[in-house]
Amino acid sequence: MDDHIRVSDADRERVTARLQENFAEGRLNQDSLDERISAALNAKTFGDLRPLTADLPGPVRRPRPFPVRRL
């Protein structure tokens, strides 16, 4: 994604959720979380958001359960 493209509220919310997950897992301390969330909420472009999670692992994709077939 081009770093100059403007972000939406949903983009900002996805980044803040990811930051909170990493805080809960112990990768960020409270000060770092607060700084990054503030920066995410004020981000205008993807170039503003990208550095906030660059040093964190990607989102964990949990497998979807198999659908239950009823007979």
C-alpha atoms as a PDB file:
ATOM      1  CA  MET A   1       0.000   0.000   0.000  1.00  0.00           C
ATOM      2  CA  ASP A   2       1.237   3.468  -0.869  1.00  0.00           C
ATOM      3  CA  ASP A   3       2.367   5.380   2.221  1.00  0.00           C
ATOM      4  CA  HIS A   4       0.718   8.565   0.912  1.00  0.00           C
ATOM      5  CA  ILE A   5      -2.816   7.145   0.834  1.00  0.00           C
ATOM      6  CA  ARG A   6      -5.073   8.537   3.536  1.00  0.00           C
ATOM      7  CA  VAL A   7      -6.311   6.159   6.214  1.00  0.00           C
ATOM      8  CA  SER A   8      -9.851   5.623   7.439  1.00  0.00           C
ATOM      9  CA  ASP A   9     -11.174   5.403  10.984  1.00  0.00           C
ATOM     10  CA  ALA A  10     -11.377   1.615  10.487  1.00  0.00           C
ATOM     11  CA  ASP A  11      -7.659   1.520   9.571  1.00  0.00           C
ATOM     12  CA  ARG A  12      -6.800   3.436  12.745  1.00  0.00           C
ATOM     13  CA  GLU A  13      -8.988   1.113  14.829  1.00  0.00           C
ATOM     14  CA  ARG A  14      -7.294  -2.001  13.387  1.00  0.00           C
ATOM     15  CA  VAL A  15      -3.873  -0.640  14.342  1.00  0.00           C
ATOM     16  CA  THR A  16      -4.958   0.328  17.856  1.00  0.00           C
ATOM     17  CA  ALA A  17      -6.495  -3.131  18.359  1.00  0.00           C
ATOM     18  CA  ARG A  18      -3.231  -4.743  17.253  1.00  0.00           C
ATOM     19  CA  LEU A  19      -1.268  -2.514  19.627  1.00  0.00           C
ATOM     20  CA  GLN A  20      -3.561  -3.462  22.512  1.00  0.00           C
ATOM     21  CA  GLU A  21      -3.132  -7.166  21.706  1.00  0.00           C
ATOM     22  CA  ASN A  22       0.643  -6.798  21.773  1.00  0.00           C
ATOM     23  CA  PHE A  23       0.425  -4.889  25.053  1.00  0.00           C
ATOM     24  CA  ALA A  24      -1.666  -7.711  26.537  1.00  0.00           C
ATOM     25  CA  GLU A  25       0.982 -10.208  25.370  1.00  0.00           C
ATOM     26  CA  GLY A  26       3.742  -8.208  27.084  1.00  0.00           C
ATOM     27  CA  ARG A  27       5.488  -6.803  24.012  1.00  0.00           C
ATOM     28  CA  LEU A  28       4.709  -3.173  24.844  1.00  0.00           C
ATOM     29  CA  ASN A  29       4.749  -1.299  28.127  1.00  0.00           C
ATOM     30  CA  GLN A  30       2.051   1.196  29.091  1.00  0.00           C
ATOM     31  CA  ASP A  31       4.053   4.268  27.989  1.00  0.00           C
ATOM     32  CA  SER A  32       4.809   2.792  24.568  1.00  0.00           C
ATOM     33  CA  LEU A  33       1.181   1.732  24.129  1.00  0.00           C
ATOM     34  CA  ASP A  34      -0.077   5.213  25.029  1.00  0.00           C
ATOM     35  CA  GLU A  35       2.361   6.923  22.636  1.00  0.00           C
ATOM     36  CA  ARG A  36       1.568   4.581  19.758  1.00  0.00           C
ATOM     37  CA  ILE A  37      -2.198   4.763  20.222  1.00  0.00           C
ATOM     38  CA  SER A  38      -2.040   8.550  20.287  1.00  0.00           C
ATOM     39  CA  ALA A  39       0.010   8.516  17.071  1.00  0.00           C
ATOM     40  CA  ALA A  40      -2.405   6.022  15.460  1.00  0.00           C
ATOM     41  CA  LEU A  41      -5.440   8.127  16.286  1.00  0.00           C
ATOM     42  CA  ASN A  42      -3.740  11.181  14.760  1.00  0.00           C
ATOM     43  CA  ALA A  43      -2.435   9.351  11.671  1.00  0.00           C
ATOM     44  CA  LYS A  44      -3.392  10.795   8.308  1.00  0.00           C
ATOM     45  CA  THR A  45      -1.697   8.302   5.942  1.00  0.00           C
ATOM     46  CA  PHE A  46      -0.526   4.695   5.861  1.00  0.00           C
ATOM     47  CA  GLY A  47       2.991   6.104   6.132  1.00  0.00           C
ATOM     48  CA  ASP A  48       2.019   7.437   9.566  1.00  0.00           C
ATOM     49  CA  LEU A  49       0.570   4.088  10.692  1.00  0.00           C
ATOM     50  CA  ARG A  50       3.168   1.660   9.344  1.00  0.00           C
ATOM     51  CA  PRO A  51       6.014   2.488  11.782  1.00  0.00           C
ATOM     52  CA  LEU A  52       3.723   2.002  14.789  1.00  0.00           C
ATOM     53  CA  THR A  53       3.637  -1.776  14.293  1.00  0.00           C
ATOM     54  CA  ALA A  54       6.845  -2.335  12.274  1.00  0.00           C
ATOM     55  CA  ASP A  55       8.658  -3.923  15.256  1.00  0.00           C
ATOM     56  CA  LEU A  56       5.724  -6.160  16.229  1.00  0.00           C
ATOM     57  CA  PRO A  57       4.820  -9.591  14.872  1.00  0.00           C
ATOM     58  CA  GLY A  58       1.972  -9.798  12.395  1.00  0.00           C
ATOM     59  CA  PRO A  59      -1.564 -10.535  13.487  1.00  0.00           C
ATOM     60  CA  VAL A  60      -2.138 -14.154  14.443  1.00  0.00           C
ATOM     61  CA  ARG A  61      -4.644 -15.825  12.183  1.00  0.00           C
ATOM     62  CA  ARG A  62      -6.655 -18.291  14.179  1.00  0.00           C
ATOM     63  CA  PRO A  63      -7.983 -21.248  12.222  1.00  0.00           C
ATOM     64  CA  ARG A  64     -11.684 -21.246  11.592  1.00  0.00           C
ATOM     65  CA  PRO A  65     -13.592 -24.149  13.037  1.00  0.00           C
ATOM     66  CA  PHE A  66     -14.954 -26.687  10.606  1.00  0.00           C
ATOM     67  CA  PRO A  67     -18.651 -26.230   9.946  1.00  0.00           C
ATOM     68  CA  VAL A  68     -20.851 -28.713  11.729  1.00  0.00           C
ATOM     69  CA  ARG A  69     -22.938 -30.784   9.368  1.00  0.00           C
ATOM     70  CA  ARG A  70     -26.252 -31.856  10.717  1.00  0.00           C
ATOM     71  CA  LEU A  71     -27.815 -35.030   9.475  1.00  0.00           C
END
